[in-house]
C-alpha atoms as a PDB file:
ATOM      1  CA  MET A   1     -13.747  22.415  64.604  1.00  0.00           C
ATOM      2  CA  ASP A   2     -17.390  23.357  64.347  1.00  0.00           C
ATOM      3  CA  MET A   3     -19.639  22.934  61.307  1.00  0.00           C
ATOM      4  CA  LEU A   4     -19.642  26.609  60.326  1.00  0.00           C
ATOM      5  CA  ALA A   5     -15.843  26.669  60.174  1.00  0.00           C
ATOM      6  CA  ALA A   6     -15.851  23.485  58.075  1.00  0.00           C
ATOM      7  CA  ILE A   7     -18.326  25.031  55.654  1.00  0.00           C
ATOM      8  CA  LEU A   8     -16.286  28.233  55.330  1.00  0.00           C
ATOM      9  CA  ILE A   9     -13.089  26.255  54.804  1.00  0.00           C
ATOM     10  CA  GLY A  10     -14.994  24.140  52.273  1.00  0.00           C
ATOM     11  CA  ALA A  11     -15.893  27.262  50.300  1.00  0.00           C
ATOM     12  CA  VAL A  12     -12.260  28.341  50.003  1.00  0.00           C
ATOM     13  CA  CYS A  13     -10.930  24.835  49.352  1.00  0.00           C
ATOM     14  CA  GLY A  14     -13.687  24.184  46.825  1.00  0.00           C
ATOM     15  CA  LEU A  15     -12.786  27.320  44.883  1.00  0.00           C
ATOM     16  CA  ILE A  16      -9.129  26.247  44.817  1.00  0.00           C
ATOM     17  CA  GLY A  17     -10.175  22.712  43.851  1.00  0.00           C
ATOM     18  CA  ALA A  18     -12.303  24.090  41.005  1.00  0.00           C
ATOM     19  CA  PHE A  19      -9.296  26.099  39.822  1.00  0.00           C
ATOM     20  CA  ALA A  20      -7.107  22.950  39.880  1.00  0.00           C
ATOM     21  CA  MET A  21      -9.747  21.005  37.948  1.00  0.00           C
ATOM     22  CA  ASN A  22     -10.093  23.851  35.458  1.00  0.00           C
ATOM     23  CA  LEU A  23      -6.304  23.961  34.990  1.00  0.00           C
ATOM     24  CA  PHE A  24      -6.196  20.210  34.324  1.00  0.00           C
ATOM     25  CA  MET A  25      -9.040  20.362  31.804  1.00  0.00           C
ATOM     26  CA  ARG A  26      -7.482  23.333  29.982  1.00  0.00           C
ATOM     27  CA  LEU A  27      -4.106  21.631  29.760  1.00  0.00           C
ATOM     28  CA  VAL A  28      -5.727  18.530  28.312  1.00  0.00           C
ATOM     29  CA  SER A  29      -7.769  20.721  25.983  1.00  0.00           C
ATOM     30  CA  ARG A  30      -4.685  22.485  24.648  1.00  0.00           C
ATOM     31  CA  LYS A  31      -2.712  19.281  24.120  1.00  0.00           C
ATOM     32  CA  PHE A  32      -5.340  16.896  22.805  1.00  0.00           C
ATOM     33  CA  ASP A  33      -8.909  17.987  22.229  1.00  0.00           C
ATOM     34  CA  ARG A  34     -10.382  21.480  22.318  1.00  0.00           C
ATOM     35  CA  ARG A  35     -13.765  20.107  23.399  1.00  0.00           C
ATOM     36  CA  ALA A  36     -12.235  19.077  26.747  1.00  0.00           C
ATOM     37  CA  ASP A  37     -12.266  22.739  27.858  1.00  0.00           C
ATOM     38  CA  MET A  38     -15.324  22.222  30.008  1.00  0.00           C
ATOM     39  CA  VAL A  39     -15.442  25.804  31.307  1.00  0.00           C
ATOM     40  CA  ARG A  40     -15.830  27.133  27.772  1.00  0.00           C
ATOM     41  CA  ALA A  41     -18.342  24.378  26.980  1.00  0.00           C
ATOM     42  CA  LEU A  42     -20.306  25.171  30.147  1.00  0.00           C
ATOM     43  CA  GLY A  43     -20.340  28.899  29.415  1.00  0.00           C
ATOM     44  CA  SER A  44     -21.356  28.447  25.791  1.00  0.00           C
ATOM     45  CA  PHE A  45     -24.180  26.149  26.895  1.00  0.00           C
ATOM     46  CA  PHE A  46     -25.759  29.227  28.496  1.00  0.00           C
ATOM     47  CA  THR A  47     -24.530  32.007  26.177  1.00  0.00           C
ATOM     48  CA  LYS A  48     -25.099  29.951  23.005  1.00  0.00           C
ATOM     49  CA  LYS A  49     -21.847  31.348  21.540  1.00  0.00           C
ATOM     50  CA  LEU A  50     -18.124  31.216  22.276  1.00  0.00           C
ATOM     51  CA  ASP A  51     -17.569  34.986  22.473  1.00  0.00           C
ATOM     52  CA  ASN A  52     -18.095  35.463  26.212  1.00  0.00           C
ATOM     53  CA  ALA A  53     -18.399  31.810  27.174  1.00  0.00           C
ATOM     54  CA  LEU A  54     -15.135  31.703  29.110  1.00  0.00           C
ATOM     55  CA  GLY A  55     -16.179  34.362  31.626  1.00  0.00           C
ATOM     56  CA  VAL A  56     -19.640  32.900  32.139  1.00  0.00           C
ATOM     57  CA  GLY A  57     -18.279  29.361  32.406  1.00  0.00           C
ATOM     58  CA  THR A  58     -15.588  30.420  34.876  1.00  0.00           C
ATOM     59  CA  ALA A  59     -18.160  32.158  37.086  1.00  0.00           C
ATOM     60  CA  ILE A  60     -20.524  29.172  37.035  1.00  0.00           C
ATOM     61  CA  HIS A  61     -17.727  26.669  37.629  1.00  0.00           C
ATOM     62  CA  GLY A  62     -16.215  28.739  40.442  1.00  0.00           C
ATOM     63  CA  ALA A  63     -19.595  29.061  42.158  1.00  0.00           C
ATOM     64  CA  ALA A  64     -20.165  25.320  41.794  1.00  0.00           C
ATOM     65  CA  GLY A  65     -16.709  24.687  43.281  1.00  0.00           C
ATOM     66  CA  VAL A  66     -17.574  26.804  46.309  1.00  0.00           C
ATOM     67  CA  ILE A  67     -20.921  25.047  46.795  1.00  0.00           C
ATOM     68  CA  PHE A  68     -19.579  21.521  46.341  1.00  0.00           C
ATOM     69  CA  GLY A  69     -16.531  22.269  48.496  1.00  0.00           C
ATOM     70  CA  MET A  70     -18.876  23.326  51.283  1.00  0.00           C
ATOM     71  CA  ILE A  71     -20.968  20.167  50.825  1.00  0.00           C
ATOM     72  CA  TYR A  72     -17.925  17.860  50.735  1.00  0.00           C
ATOM     73  CA  LEU A  73     -16.353  19.291  53.888  1.00  0.00           C
ATOM     74  CA  ALA A  74     -19.678  19.558  55.730  1.00  0.00           C
ATOM     75  CA  ILE A  75     -20.253  15.834  55.180  1.00  0.00           C
ATOM     76  CA  ILE A  76     -16.684  14.998  56.180  1.00  0.00           C
ATOM     77  CA  GLN A  77     -17.014  17.153  59.315  1.00  0.00           C
ATOM     78  CA  ALA A  78     -20.376  15.543  60.149  1.00  0.00           C
ATOM     79  CA  ILE A  79     -18.798  12.091  60.211  1.00  0.00           C
ATOM     80  CA  GLY A  80     -15.839  13.341  62.250  1.00  0.00           C
ATOM     81  CA  ALA A  81     -13.146  12.810  59.642  1.00  0.00           C
ATOM     82  CA  LEU A  82     -12.028  16.350  58.827  1.00  0.00           C
ATOM     83  CA  ASP A  83      -8.324  15.683  59.246  1.00  0.00           C
ATOM     84  CA  PHE A  84      -5.519  14.491  57.037  1.00  0.00           C
ATOM     85  CA  PRO A  85      -5.475  11.904  55.419  1.00  0.00           C
ATOM     86  CA  HIS A  86      -9.125  10.978  56.020  1.00  0.00           C
ATOM     87  CA  ALA A  87     -10.512  14.150  54.413  1.00  0.00           C
ATOM     88  CA  PHE A  88      -8.289  13.663  51.371  1.00  0.00           C
ATOM     89  CA  PHE A  89      -9.442  10.105  50.687  1.00  0.00           C
ATOM     90  CA  LEU A  90     -13.099  10.798  51.433  1.00  0.00           C
ATOM     91  CA  ALA A  91     -13.163  13.873  49.175  1.00  0.00           C
ATOM     92  CA  LEU A  92     -11.325  11.923  46.467  1.00  0.00           C
ATOM     93  CA  GLY A  93     -14.091   9.315  46.675  1.00  0.00           C
ATOM     94  CA  PHE A  94     -16.758  12.023  46.604  1.00  0.00           C
ATOM     95  CA  GLY A  95     -15.040  13.460  43.520  1.00  0.00           C
ATOM     96  CA  PHE A  96     -15.101  10.039  41.848  1.00  0.00           C
ATOM     97  CA  PHE A  97     -18.827   9.645  42.535  1.00  0.00           C
ATOM     98  CA  HIS A  98     -19.506  13.257  41.521  1.00  0.00           C
ATOM     99  CA  GLY A  99     -17.463  12.712  38.347  1.00  0.00           C
ATOM    100  CA  LEU A 100     -19.433   9.589  37.430  1.00  0.00           C
ATOM    101  CA  ILE A 101     -22.710  11.479  37.658  1.00  0.00           C
ATOM    102  CA  THR A 102     -21.371  14.499  35.795  1.00  0.00           C
ATOM    103  CA  SER A 103     -19.805  12.387  33.040  1.00  0.00           C
ATOM    104  CA  TYR A 104     -23.065  10.542  32.564  1.00  0.00           C
ATOM    105  CA  GLY A 105     -24.951  13.840  32.394  1.00  0.00           C
ATOM    106  CA  LEU A 106     -22.425  15.232  29.929  1.00  0.00           C
ATOM    107  CA  MET A 107     -22.461  12.236  27.641  1.00  0.00           C
ATOM    108  CA  TYR A 108     -26.192  11.577  27.574  1.00  0.00           C
ATOM    109  CA  TYR A 109     -27.898  14.864  28.353  1.00  0.00           C
ATOM    110  CA  ALA A 110     -25.826  18.014  27.897  1.00  0.00           C
ATOM    111  CA  SER A 111     -24.041  17.017  24.701  1.00  0.00           C
ATOM    112  CA  ALA A 112     -27.295  16.231  22.910  1.00  0.00           C
ATOM    113  CA  ARG A 113     -28.754  19.616  23.890  1.00  0.00           C
ATOM    114  CA  HIS A 114     -25.688  21.848  23.542  1.00  0.00           C
ATOM    115  CA  PRO A 115     -26.403  24.857  21.289  1.00  0.00           C
ATOM    116  CA  LEU A 116     -22.999  24.643  19.556  1.00  0.00           C
ATOM    117  CA  GLU A 117     -22.364  21.837  17.114  1.00  0.00           C
ATOM    118  CA  GLU A 118     -18.754  21.285  18.209  1.00  0.00           C
ATOM    119  CA  TYR A 119     -19.884  20.263  21.710  1.00  0.00           C
ATOM    120  CA  ARG A 120     -22.728  17.955  20.671  1.00  0.00           C
ATOM    121  CA  LYS A 121     -20.654  14.806  20.489  1.00  0.00           C
ATOM    122  CA  ALA A 122     -19.297  13.738  23.859  1.00  0.00           C
ATOM    123  CA  THR A 123     -17.043  10.688  23.711  1.00  0.00           C
ATOM    124  CA  MET A 124     -16.063   8.179  26.364  1.00  0.00           C
ATOM    125  CA  GLN A 125     -12.635   9.848  26.389  1.00  0.00           C
ATOM    126  CA  GLU A 126     -14.210  13.165  27.398  1.00  0.00           C
ATOM    127  CA  GLY A 127     -16.310  11.408  30.027  1.00  0.00           C
ATOM    128  CA  VAL A 128     -13.177   9.877  31.561  1.00  0.00           C
ATOM    129  CA  LEU A 129     -11.435  13.270  31.489  1.00  0.00           C
ATOM    130  CA  HIS A 130     -14.360  14.799  33.384  1.00  0.00           C
ATOM    131  CA  LEU A 131     -14.218  11.924  35.863  1.00  0.00           C
ATOM    132  CA  LEU A 132     -10.506  12.586  36.436  1.00  0.00           C
ATOM    133  CA  GLY A 133     -11.144  16.316  36.681  1.00  0.00           C
ATOM    134  CA  HIS A 134     -13.722  15.800  39.416  1.00  0.00           C
ATOM    135  CA  MET A 135     -11.334  13.497  41.255  1.00  0.00           C
ATOM    136  CA  ILE A 136      -8.728  16.274  41.107  1.00  0.00           C
ATOM    137  CA  PHE A 137     -11.342  18.655  42.514  1.00  0.00           C
ATOM    138  CA  GLY A 138     -12.141  16.262  45.357  1.00  0.00           C
ATOM    139  CA  GLY A 139      -8.506  15.460  46.068  1.00  0.00           C
ATOM    140  CA  VAL A 140      -7.409  19.094  46.230  1.00  0.00           C
ATOM    141  CA  THR A 141     -10.454  20.120  48.270  1.00  0.00           C
ATOM    142  CA  GLY A 142      -9.990  17.282  50.760  1.00  0.00           C
ATOM    143  CA  LEU A 143      -6.218  17.675  50.979  1.00  0.00           C
ATOM    144  CA  LEU A 144      -6.414  21.379  51.739  1.00  0.00           C
ATOM    145  CA  GLY A 145      -9.428  20.988  54.030  1.00  0.00           C
ATOM    146  CA  GLY A 146      -7.777  18.217  56.008  1.00  0.00           C
ATOM    147  CA  LEU A 147      -4.505  20.122  56.383  1.00  0.00           C
ATOM    148  CA  ILE A 148      -6.214  23.382  57.336  1.00  0.00           C
ATOM    149  CA  ALA A 149      -8.396  21.596  59.904  1.00  0.00           C
ATOM    150  CA  MET A 150      -5.253  20.148  61.473  1.00  0.00           C
ATOM    151  CA  GLY A 151      -3.764  23.624  61.734  1.00  0.00           C
ATOM    152  CA  LEU A 152      -1.103  23.248  59.056  1.00  0.00           C
END
């Protein structure tokens, strides 16, 4: 498989991975803590209100999923590991690393500057949820990318 194909597959797999991550975060949000709905929190960071935050957050998160899916699979293709199970485990590791950075940014930067009071206090629990969410993103992206690259 060439690099362009890996990048295109990464875009599709990244969008699906972002959807899976979003689903996980929304389920957790509904069951435990409303602040865990990171798409709504992301959207309201830019809109400064909850009214249309879901649409804006979904668009931003979907675009980020496409971009990071392309990056993940481009790196995996560059090292010659775009097959199953290698792509799955590498992308899961990328998701862990990505989640660490994002959780740190959430807990120490974004929460302090969020325009809505309800999102200004990020806890360790929310940081761990974001870490797990990014691992789900990486796992789904790598699983699908590896299987598609193998022709399954």
